[in-house]
C-alpha atoms as a PDB file:
ATOM      1  CA  UNK A   1       9.039   3.553 -32.424  1.00  0.00           C
ATOM      2  CA  UNK A   2      10.004   0.634 -30.177  1.00  0.00           C
ATOM      3  CA  UNK A   3      13.260   2.287 -29.144  1.00  0.00           C
ATOM      4  CA  UNK A   4      11.361   5.488 -28.402  1.00  0.00           C
ATOM      5  CA  UNK A   5       8.966   3.622 -26.141  1.00  0.00           C
ATOM      6  CA  UNK A   6      11.738   1.822 -24.306  1.00  0.00           C
ATOM      7  CA  UNK A   7      13.422   5.137 -23.489  1.00  0.00           C
ATOM      8  CA  UNK A   8      10.258   6.782 -22.126  1.00  0.00           C
ATOM      9  CA  UNK A   9      10.491   8.229 -18.651  1.00  0.00           C
ATOM     10  CA  UNK A  10       8.480   7.073 -15.664  1.00  0.00           C
ATOM     11  CA  UNK A  11       8.425   3.256 -15.850  1.00  0.00           C
ATOM     12  CA  UNK A  12       5.355   1.729 -14.238  1.00  0.00           C
ATOM     13  CA  UNK A  13       6.007   0.363 -10.785  1.00  0.00           C
ATOM     14  CA  UNK A  14       4.001  -1.186  -7.929  1.00  0.00           C
ATOM     15  CA  UNK A  15       0.697   0.447  -7.210  1.00  0.00           C
ATOM     16  CA  UNK A  16      -0.670   1.074  -3.725  1.00  0.00           C
ATOM     17  CA  UNK A  17      -3.031   3.232  -1.723  1.00  0.00           C
ATOM     18  CA  UNK A  18      -2.119   6.912  -2.077  1.00  0.00           C
ATOM     19  CA  UNK A  19      -2.095   9.267   0.902  1.00  0.00           C
ATOM     20  CA  UNK A  20      -4.302  11.958  -0.552  1.00  0.00           C
ATOM     21  CA  UNK A  21      -4.192  14.515   2.277  1.00  0.00           C
ATOM     22  CA  UNK A  22      -0.412  14.761   2.003  1.00  0.00           C
ATOM     23  CA  UNK A  23      -0.717  14.856  -1.778  1.00  0.00           C
ATOM     24  CA  UNK A  24      -3.068  17.839  -1.775  1.00  0.00           C
ATOM     25  CA  UNK A  25      -0.989  19.636   0.844  1.00  0.00           C
ATOM     26  CA  UNK A  26       2.142  19.154  -1.257  1.00  0.00           C
ATOM     27  CA  UNK A  27       0.335  20.419  -4.336  1.00  0.00           C
ATOM     28  CA  UNK A  28      -0.715  23.576  -2.525  1.00  0.00           C
ATOM     29  CA  UNK A  29       2.861  24.118  -1.382  1.00  0.00           C
ATOM     30  CA  UNK A  30       4.087  23.465  -4.912  1.00  0.00           C
ATOM     31  CA  UNK A  31       1.692  26.013  -6.342  1.00  0.00           C
ATOM     32  CA  UNK A  32       2.861  28.642  -3.822  1.00  0.00           C
ATOM     33  CA  UNK A  33       6.566  27.966  -4.304  1.00  0.00           C
ATOM     34  CA  UNK A  34       6.182  27.864  -8.059  1.00  0.00           C
ATOM     35  CA  UNK A  35       5.490  31.592  -7.962  1.00  0.00           C
ATOM     36  CA  UNK A  36       8.995  32.205  -6.630  1.00  0.00           C
ATOM     37  CA  UNK A  37      10.572  29.664  -8.977  1.00  0.00           C
ATOM     38  CA  UNK A  38      11.494  27.059  -6.371  1.00  0.00           C
ATOM     39  CA  UNK A  39       8.818  24.372  -6.677  1.00  0.00           C
ATOM     40  CA  UNK A  40       9.759  21.047  -5.024  1.00  0.00           C
ATOM     41  CA  UNK A  41       8.879  17.761  -6.730  1.00  0.00           C
ATOM     42  CA  UNK A  42       5.433  16.356  -5.929  1.00  0.00           C
ATOM     43  CA  UNK A  43       5.009  12.610  -5.704  1.00  0.00           C
ATOM     44  CA  UNK A  44       2.338  11.674  -8.282  1.00  0.00           C
ATOM     45  CA  UNK A  45      -0.549   9.292  -7.917  1.00  0.00           C
ATOM     46  CA  UNK A  46      -0.367   6.198 -10.077  1.00  0.00           C
ATOM     47  CA  UNK A  47      -3.144   6.487 -12.619  1.00  0.00           C
ATOM     48  CA  UNK A  48      -5.901   6.986 -10.125  1.00  0.00           C
ATOM     49  CA  UNK A  49      -7.439  10.118  -8.653  1.00  0.00           C
ATOM     50  CA  UNK A  50      -6.548  11.507  -5.238  1.00  0.00           C
ATOM     51  CA  UNK A  51      -8.370   9.790  -2.368  1.00  0.00           C
ATOM     52  CA  UNK A  52      -8.973   6.511  -4.185  1.00  0.00           C
ATOM     53  CA  UNK A  53      -9.109   3.804  -1.533  1.00  0.00           C
ATOM     54  CA  UNK A  54      -8.528   0.921  -3.943  1.00  0.00           C
ATOM     55  CA  UNK A  55      -5.230  -0.744  -4.779  1.00  0.00           C
ATOM     56  CA  UNK A  56      -4.323  -3.549  -7.147  1.00  0.00           C
ATOM     57  CA  UNK A  57      -2.687  -5.516  -4.362  1.00  0.00           C
ATOM     58  CA  UNK A  58      -5.845  -5.378  -2.258  1.00  0.00           C
ATOM     59  CA  UNK A  59      -7.888  -6.596  -5.216  1.00  0.00           C
ATOM     60  CA  UNK A  60      -5.795  -9.724  -5.616  1.00  0.00           C
ATOM     61  CA  UNK A  61      -4.865 -10.459  -1.998  1.00  0.00           C
ATOM     62  CA  UNK A  62      -7.652  -8.960   0.095  1.00  0.00           C
ATOM     63  CA  UNK A  63      -9.710 -12.131   0.422  1.00  0.00           C
ATOM     64  CA  UNK A  64     -11.976 -11.524  -2.582  1.00  0.00           C
ATOM     65  CA  UNK A  65     -12.981 -14.316  -4.916  1.00  0.00           C
ATOM     66  CA  UNK A  66     -10.666 -14.905  -7.856  1.00  0.00           C
ATOM     67  CA  UNK A  67     -11.455 -12.182 -10.357  1.00  0.00           C
ATOM     68  CA  UNK A  68     -12.760 -13.299 -13.754  1.00  0.00           C
ATOM     69  CA  UNK A  69     -11.034 -11.916 -16.841  1.00  0.00           C
ATOM     70  CA  UNK A  70     -13.336  -8.912 -17.191  1.00  0.00           C
ATOM     71  CA  UNK A  71     -12.838  -7.967 -13.520  1.00  0.00           C
ATOM     72  CA  UNK A  72      -9.144  -7.233 -13.967  1.00  0.00           C
ATOM     73  CA  UNK A  73      -8.333  -3.515 -13.521  1.00  0.00           C
ATOM     74  CA  UNK A  74      -7.313  -1.812 -16.733  1.00  0.00           C
ATOM     75  CA  UNK A  75      -3.671  -1.293 -15.774  1.00  0.00           C
ATOM     76  CA  UNK A  76      -3.259  -4.936 -14.861  1.00  0.00           C
ATOM     77  CA  UNK A  77      -4.703  -5.892 -18.233  1.00  0.00           C
ATOM     78  CA  UNK A  78      -2.338  -3.447 -19.947  1.00  0.00           C
ATOM     79  CA  UNK A  79       0.613  -5.075 -18.192  1.00  0.00           C
ATOM     80  CA  UNK A  80      -0.534  -8.492 -19.382  1.00  0.00           C
ATOM     81  CA  UNK A  81      -0.821  -7.495 -23.038  1.00  0.00           C
ATOM     82  CA  UNK A  82       2.329  -5.371 -23.330  1.00  0.00           C
ATOM     83  CA  UNK A  83       5.984  -6.186 -23.880  1.00  0.00           C
ATOM     84  CA  UNK A  84       6.950  -3.092 -21.884  1.00  0.00           C
ATOM     85  CA  UNK A  85       5.135  -0.056 -20.537  1.00  0.00           C
ATOM     86  CA  UNK A  86       6.136   3.345 -19.189  1.00  0.00           C
ATOM     87  CA  UNK A  87       4.500   6.555 -18.160  1.00  0.00           C
ATOM     88  CA  UNK A  88       5.100   9.485 -20.501  1.00  0.00           C
ATOM     89  CA  UNK A  89       6.428  12.445 -18.555  1.00  0.00           C
ATOM     90  CA  UNK A  90       7.786  14.500 -21.455  1.00  0.00           C
ATOM     91  CA  UNK A  91       5.154  15.670 -23.938  1.00  0.00           C
ATOM     92  CA  UNK A  92       7.873  16.179 -26.552  1.00  0.00           C
ATOM     93  CA  UNK A  93       8.388  12.414 -26.820  1.00  0.00           C
ATOM     94  CA  UNK A  94       4.925  11.682 -28.243  1.00  0.00           C
ATOM     95  CA  UNK A  95       3.922  12.119 -31.901  1.00  0.00           C
ATOM     96  CA  UNK A  96       1.238  14.707 -31.190  1.00  0.00           C
ATOM     97  CA  UNK A  97      -0.253  16.499 -28.216  1.00  0.00           C
ATOM     98  CA  UNK A  98      -2.747  15.906 -25.442  1.00  0.00           C
ATOM     99  CA  UNK A  99      -5.554  18.448 -25.489  1.00  0.00           C
ATOM    100  CA  UNK A 100      -8.129  19.314 -22.811  1.00  0.00           C
ATOM    101  CA  UNK A 101     -10.803  21.987 -22.628  1.00  0.00           C
ATOM    102  CA  UNK A 102     -10.561  23.668 -19.221  1.00  0.00           C
ATOM    103  CA  UNK A 103     -11.711  27.064 -18.034  1.00  0.00           C
ATOM    104  CA  UNK A 104      -8.493  28.853 -17.090  1.00  0.00           C
ATOM    105  CA  UNK A 105     -10.451  31.127 -14.754  1.00  0.00           C
ATOM    106  CA  UNK A 106     -11.578  28.082 -12.774  1.00  0.00           C
ATOM    107  CA  UNK A 107      -8.559  25.774 -12.955  1.00  0.00           C
ATOM    108  CA  UNK A 108      -4.923  26.458 -12.156  1.00  0.00           C
ATOM    109  CA  UNK A 109      -2.180  24.350 -13.750  1.00  0.00           C
ATOM    110  CA  UNK A 110       0.444  23.055 -11.309  1.00  0.00           C
ATOM    111  CA  UNK A 111       3.727  21.202 -11.728  1.00  0.00           C
ATOM    112  CA  UNK A 112       3.774  17.573 -10.618  1.00  0.00           C
ATOM    113  CA  UNK A 113       6.173  14.893 -11.864  1.00  0.00           C
ATOM    114  CA  UNK A 114       4.435  11.991 -13.570  1.00  0.00           C
ATOM    115  CA  UNK A 115       1.602  14.008 -15.067  1.00  0.00           C
ATOM    116  CA  UNK A 116       1.221  15.568 -18.470  1.00  0.00           C
ATOM    117  CA  UNK A 117      -1.289  18.005 -16.990  1.00  0.00           C
ATOM    118  CA  UNK A 118      -2.539  18.547 -13.474  1.00  0.00           C
ATOM    119  CA  UNK A 119      -5.077  21.191 -12.497  1.00  0.00           C
ATOM    120  CA  UNK A 120      -6.350  22.438  -9.150  1.00  0.00           C
ATOM    121  CA  UNK A 121      -9.668  24.213  -8.763  1.00  0.00           C
ATOM    122  CA  UNK A 122      -9.482  27.880  -7.808  1.00  0.00           C
ATOM    123  CA  UNK A 123     -11.775  30.628  -6.476  1.00  0.00           C
ATOM    124  CA  UNK A 124     -13.093  28.732  -3.471  1.00  0.00           C
ATOM    125  CA  UNK A 125     -13.757  25.442  -5.239  1.00  0.00           C
ATOM    126  CA  UNK A 126     -12.166  22.103  -4.343  1.00  0.00           C
ATOM    127  CA  UNK A 127     -11.172  19.607  -7.000  1.00  0.00           C
ATOM    128  CA  UNK A 128      -8.460  18.199  -9.219  1.00  0.00           C
ATOM    129  CA  UNK A 129      -8.175  17.142 -12.851  1.00  0.00           C
ATOM    130  CA  UNK A 130      -5.247  14.824 -13.570  1.00  0.00           C
ATOM    131  CA  UNK A 131      -4.118  13.641 -17.010  1.00  0.00           C
ATOM    132  CA  UNK A 132      -1.680  10.761 -17.403  1.00  0.00           C
ATOM    133  CA  UNK A 133      -0.427   8.967 -20.505  1.00  0.00           C
ATOM    134  CA  UNK A 134       1.049   5.470 -20.592  1.00  0.00           C
ATOM    135  CA  UNK A 135       2.983   4.273 -23.622  1.00  0.00           C
ATOM    136  CA  UNK A 136       3.364   0.533 -24.150  1.00  0.00           C
ATOM    137  CA  UNK A 137       4.908  -1.785 -26.737  1.00  0.00           C
ATOM    138  CA  UNK A 138       2.822  -4.672 -28.065  1.00  0.00           C
ATOM    139  CA  UNK A 139       3.276  -7.675 -30.311  1.00  0.00           C
ATOM    140  CA  UNK A 140       1.563  -7.886 -33.685  1.00  0.00           C
ATOM    141  CA  UNK A 141      -2.017  -9.103 -33.374  1.00  0.00           C
ATOM    142  CA  UNK A 142      -2.675  -7.791 -29.866  1.00  0.00           C
ATOM    143  CA  UNK A 143      -6.150  -6.235 -29.642  1.00  0.00           C
ATOM    144  CA  UNK A 144      -5.580  -2.930 -27.841  1.00  0.00           C
ATOM    145  CA  UNK A 145      -9.334  -2.273 -27.905  1.00  0.00           C
ATOM    146  CA  UNK A 146      -9.757  -5.089 -25.355  1.00  0.00           C
ATOM    147  CA  UNK A 147      -8.496  -2.645 -22.712  1.00  0.00           C
ATOM    148  CA  UNK A 148     -11.873  -0.947 -22.758  1.00  0.00           C
ATOM    149  CA  UNK A 149     -13.455  -4.116 -21.378  1.00  0.00           C
ATOM    150  CA  UNK A 150     -11.700  -3.205 -18.127  1.00  0.00           C
ATOM    151  CA  UNK A 151     -12.314   0.548 -18.021  1.00  0.00           C
ATOM    152  CA  UNK A 152     -15.040   0.459 -15.357  1.00  0.00           C
ATOM    153  CA  UNK A 153     -13.543  -2.108 -12.970  1.00  0.00           C
ATOM    154  CA  UNK A 154     -11.474   0.038 -10.643  1.00  0.00           C
ATOM    155  CA  UNK A 155     -14.064   2.704  -9.836  1.00  0.00           C
ATOM    156  CA  UNK A 156     -16.673   0.036  -9.137  1.00  0.00           C
ATOM    157  CA  UNK A 157     -14.401  -1.303  -6.390  1.00  0.00           C
ATOM    158  CA  UNK A 158     -14.544   1.964  -4.462  1.00  0.00           C
ATOM    159  CA  UNK A 159     -16.429   2.125  -1.156  1.00  0.00           C
ATOM    160  CA  UNK A 160     -20.147   2.785  -1.700  1.00  0.00           C
ATOM    161  CA  UNK A 161     -19.631   3.575  -5.381  1.00  0.00           C
ATOM    162  CA  UNK A 162     -22.848   4.982  -6.924  1.00  0.00           C
ATOM    163  CA  UNK A 163     -22.518   5.176 -10.689  1.00  0.00           C
ATOM    164  CA  UNK A 164     -24.255   7.882 -12.706  1.00  0.00           C
ATOM    165  CA  UNK A 165     -22.630   7.250 -16.115  1.00  0.00           C
ATOM    166  CA  UNK A 166     -20.734   4.461 -17.832  1.00  0.00           C
ATOM    167  CA  UNK A 167     -20.425   4.805 -21.596  1.00  0.00           C
ATOM    168  CA  UNK A 168     -18.024   3.310 -24.092  1.00  0.00           C
ATOM    169  CA  UNK A 169     -17.180   3.995 -27.730  1.00  0.00           C
ATOM    170  CA  UNK A 170     -16.043   1.346 -30.180  1.00  0.00           C
ATOM    171  CA  UNK A 171     -12.740   1.472 -32.080  1.00  0.00           C
ATOM    172  CA  UNK A 172     -12.753   4.001 -34.892  1.00  0.00           C
ATOM    173  CA  UNK A 173     -10.443   5.743 -37.315  1.00  0.00           C
ATOM    174  CA  UNK A 174      -8.428   7.572 -34.640  1.00  0.00           C
ATOM    175  CA  UNK A 175      -8.765   5.467 -31.474  1.00  0.00           C
ATOM    176  CA  UNK A 176      -8.969   1.890 -30.256  1.00  0.00           C
ATOM    177  CA  UNK A 177     -11.985   2.826 -28.175  1.00  0.00           C
ATOM    178  CA  UNK A 178     -12.709   5.070 -25.203  1.00  0.00           C
ATOM    179  CA  UNK A 179     -14.802   5.207 -22.050  1.00  0.00           C
ATOM    180  CA  UNK A 180     -16.405   7.760 -19.772  1.00  0.00           C
ATOM    181  CA  UNK A 181     -17.531   6.991 -16.244  1.00  0.00           C
ATOM    182  CA  UNK A 182     -18.757   9.095 -13.342  1.00  0.00           C
ATOM    183  CA  UNK A 183     -20.239   8.582  -9.928  1.00  0.00           C
ATOM    184  CA  UNK A 184     -19.671   9.060  -6.212  1.00  0.00           C
ATOM    185  CA  UNK A 185     -17.889   7.105  -3.514  1.00  0.00           C
ATOM    186  CA  UNK A 186     -17.178   7.494   0.194  1.00  0.00           C
ATOM    187  CA  UNK A 187     -13.708   8.069   1.606  1.00  0.00           C
ATOM    188  CA  UNK A 188     -12.080  10.104   4.369  1.00  0.00           C
ATOM    189  CA  UNK A 189     -15.518  10.522   5.976  1.00  0.00           C
ATOM    190  CA  UNK A 190     -16.810  12.387   2.935  1.00  0.00           C
ATOM    191  CA  UNK A 191     -18.645  11.674  -0.309  1.00  0.00           C
ATOM    192  CA  UNK A 192     -16.613  12.338  -3.461  1.00  0.00           C
ATOM    193  CA  UNK A 193     -17.595  12.883  -7.061  1.00  0.00           C
ATOM    194  CA  UNK A 194     -15.334  11.255  -9.631  1.00  0.00           C
ATOM    195  CA  UNK A 195     -15.242  11.386 -13.448  1.00  0.00           C
ATOM    196  CA  UNK A 196     -12.894   9.062 -15.342  1.00  0.00           C
ATOM    197  CA  UNK A 197     -12.023   8.823 -19.018  1.00  0.00           C
ATOM    198  CA  UNK A 198      -9.845   6.261 -20.770  1.00  0.00           C
ATOM    199  CA  UNK A 199      -8.907   6.320 -24.438  1.00  0.00           C
ATOM    200  CA  UNK A 200      -6.619   3.856 -26.209  1.00  0.00           C
ATOM    201  CA  UNK A 201      -4.532   4.590 -29.283  1.00  0.00           C
ATOM    202  CA  UNK A 202      -2.321   2.427 -31.462  1.00  0.00           C
ATOM    203  CA  UNK A 203       0.425   3.508 -33.815  1.00  0.00           C
ATOM    204  CA  UNK A 204       2.099   0.394 -35.218  1.00  0.00           C
ATOM    205  CA  UNK A 205       3.532  -1.689 -32.392  1.00  0.00           C
ATOM    206  CA  UNK A 206       3.392   1.243 -29.969  1.00  0.00           C
ATOM    207  CA  UNK A 207       0.161   1.995 -28.130  1.00  0.00           C
ATOM    208  CA  UNK A 208      -1.010   4.644 -25.687  1.00  0.00           C
ATOM    209  CA  UNK A 209      -3.519   4.643 -22.852  1.00  0.00           C
ATOM    210  CA  UNK A 210      -4.765   8.121 -22.034  1.00  0.00           C
ATOM    211  CA  UNK A 211      -6.304   8.470 -18.584  1.00  0.00           C
ATOM    212  CA  UNK A 212      -8.035  11.568 -17.235  1.00  0.00           C
ATOM    213  CA  UNK A 213      -9.603  11.776 -13.788  1.00  0.00           C
ATOM    214  CA  UNK A 214     -11.503  14.609 -12.135  1.00  0.00           C
ATOM    215  CA  UNK A 215     -12.468  14.547  -8.466  1.00  0.00           C
ATOM    216  CA  UNK A 216     -14.241  16.919  -6.105  1.00  0.00           C
ATOM    217  CA  UNK A 217     -16.239  16.735  -2.889  1.00  0.00           C
ATOM    218  CA  UNK A 218     -19.850  15.961  -3.787  1.00  0.00           C
ATOM    219  CA  UNK A 219     -20.884  19.023  -1.774  1.00  0.00           C
ATOM    220  CA  UNK A 220     -19.364  21.197  -4.518  1.00  0.00           C
ATOM    221  CA  UNK A 221     -22.707  21.063  -6.271  1.00  0.00           C
ATOM    222  CA  UNK A 222     -24.117  19.744  -9.508  1.00  0.00           C
ATOM    223  CA  UNK A 223     -22.979  22.589 -11.778  1.00  0.00           C
ATOM    224  CA  UNK A 224     -19.339  22.268 -10.726  1.00  0.00           C
ATOM    225  CA  UNK A 225     -19.480  18.486 -11.018  1.00  0.00           C
ATOM    226  CA  UNK A 226     -20.820  18.838 -14.555  1.00  0.00           C
ATOM    227  CA  UNK A 227     -17.948  21.154 -15.452  1.00  0.00           C
ATOM    228  CA  UNK A 228     -15.438  18.566 -14.200  1.00  0.00           C
ATOM    229  CA  UNK A 229     -17.088  15.812 -16.229  1.00  0.00           C
ATOM    230  CA  UNK A 230     -17.101  18.024 -19.328  1.00  0.00           C
ATOM    231  CA  UNK A 231     -13.394  18.770 -18.973  1.00  0.00           C
ATOM    232  CA  UNK A 232     -12.512  15.129 -18.404  1.00  0.00           C
ATOM    233  CA  UNK A 233     -14.563  13.997 -21.399  1.00  0.00           C
ATOM    234  CA  UNK A 234     -12.780  16.541 -23.616  1.00  0.00           C
ATOM    235  CA  UNK A 235      -9.312  15.037 -23.113  1.00  0.00           C
ATOM    236  CA  UNK A 236      -7.911  13.636 -26.366  1.00  0.00           C
ATOM    237  CA  UNK A 237      -4.720  12.742 -28.209  1.00  0.00           C
ATOM    238  CA  UNK A 238      -4.297  14.866 -31.339  1.00  0.00           C
ATOM    239  CA  UNK A 239      -1.685  13.671 -33.797  1.00  0.00           C
END
């Protein structure tokens, strides 16, 4: 298992602010070119939804007070507890599959390196659902469930974040805990709805952090926002 993790594609690198307008434009071009079999690579976000204004570097060096332990973003905490970590880009390298319940009439799957699944809203709607999996190697005795203490940190750093849900499940038979969070924030002169799910899994000394994020302009309406949250909350690792 350790050797498998060390060979995983997509090693985690520095994280910064993502240029979301270019990202969405590239995705649209990718979706069009995919139809003729010549889709260019699309630079992925790094475990955060399009249009997030927060970055790890800003958190630590932007003049804020020193963050207490529970204020560390979840990926920073993962880096601290792991021997090595990498993003899974090939679903065939995991002992199971990632499942999500999406309406295929509403969401269109697109190709984007770095993601296991990436969906764009169709039929006049605006929105994305991104699913990313990080595999990491840990020493014996590391409490993977502690990651969930950090699940809500990053979203709460967003400009004018207004939280509507923040729930967490305890470790059980299949997982090391999970979280679900939703709310709105302001960016690019618009209010955005965001739904985020984390779920942690451990299989021996190899662990996985599953991260699903759905975003849409808040003007999309309550019914569409609920459908995004439902899809995000359905994401799971089935092995």
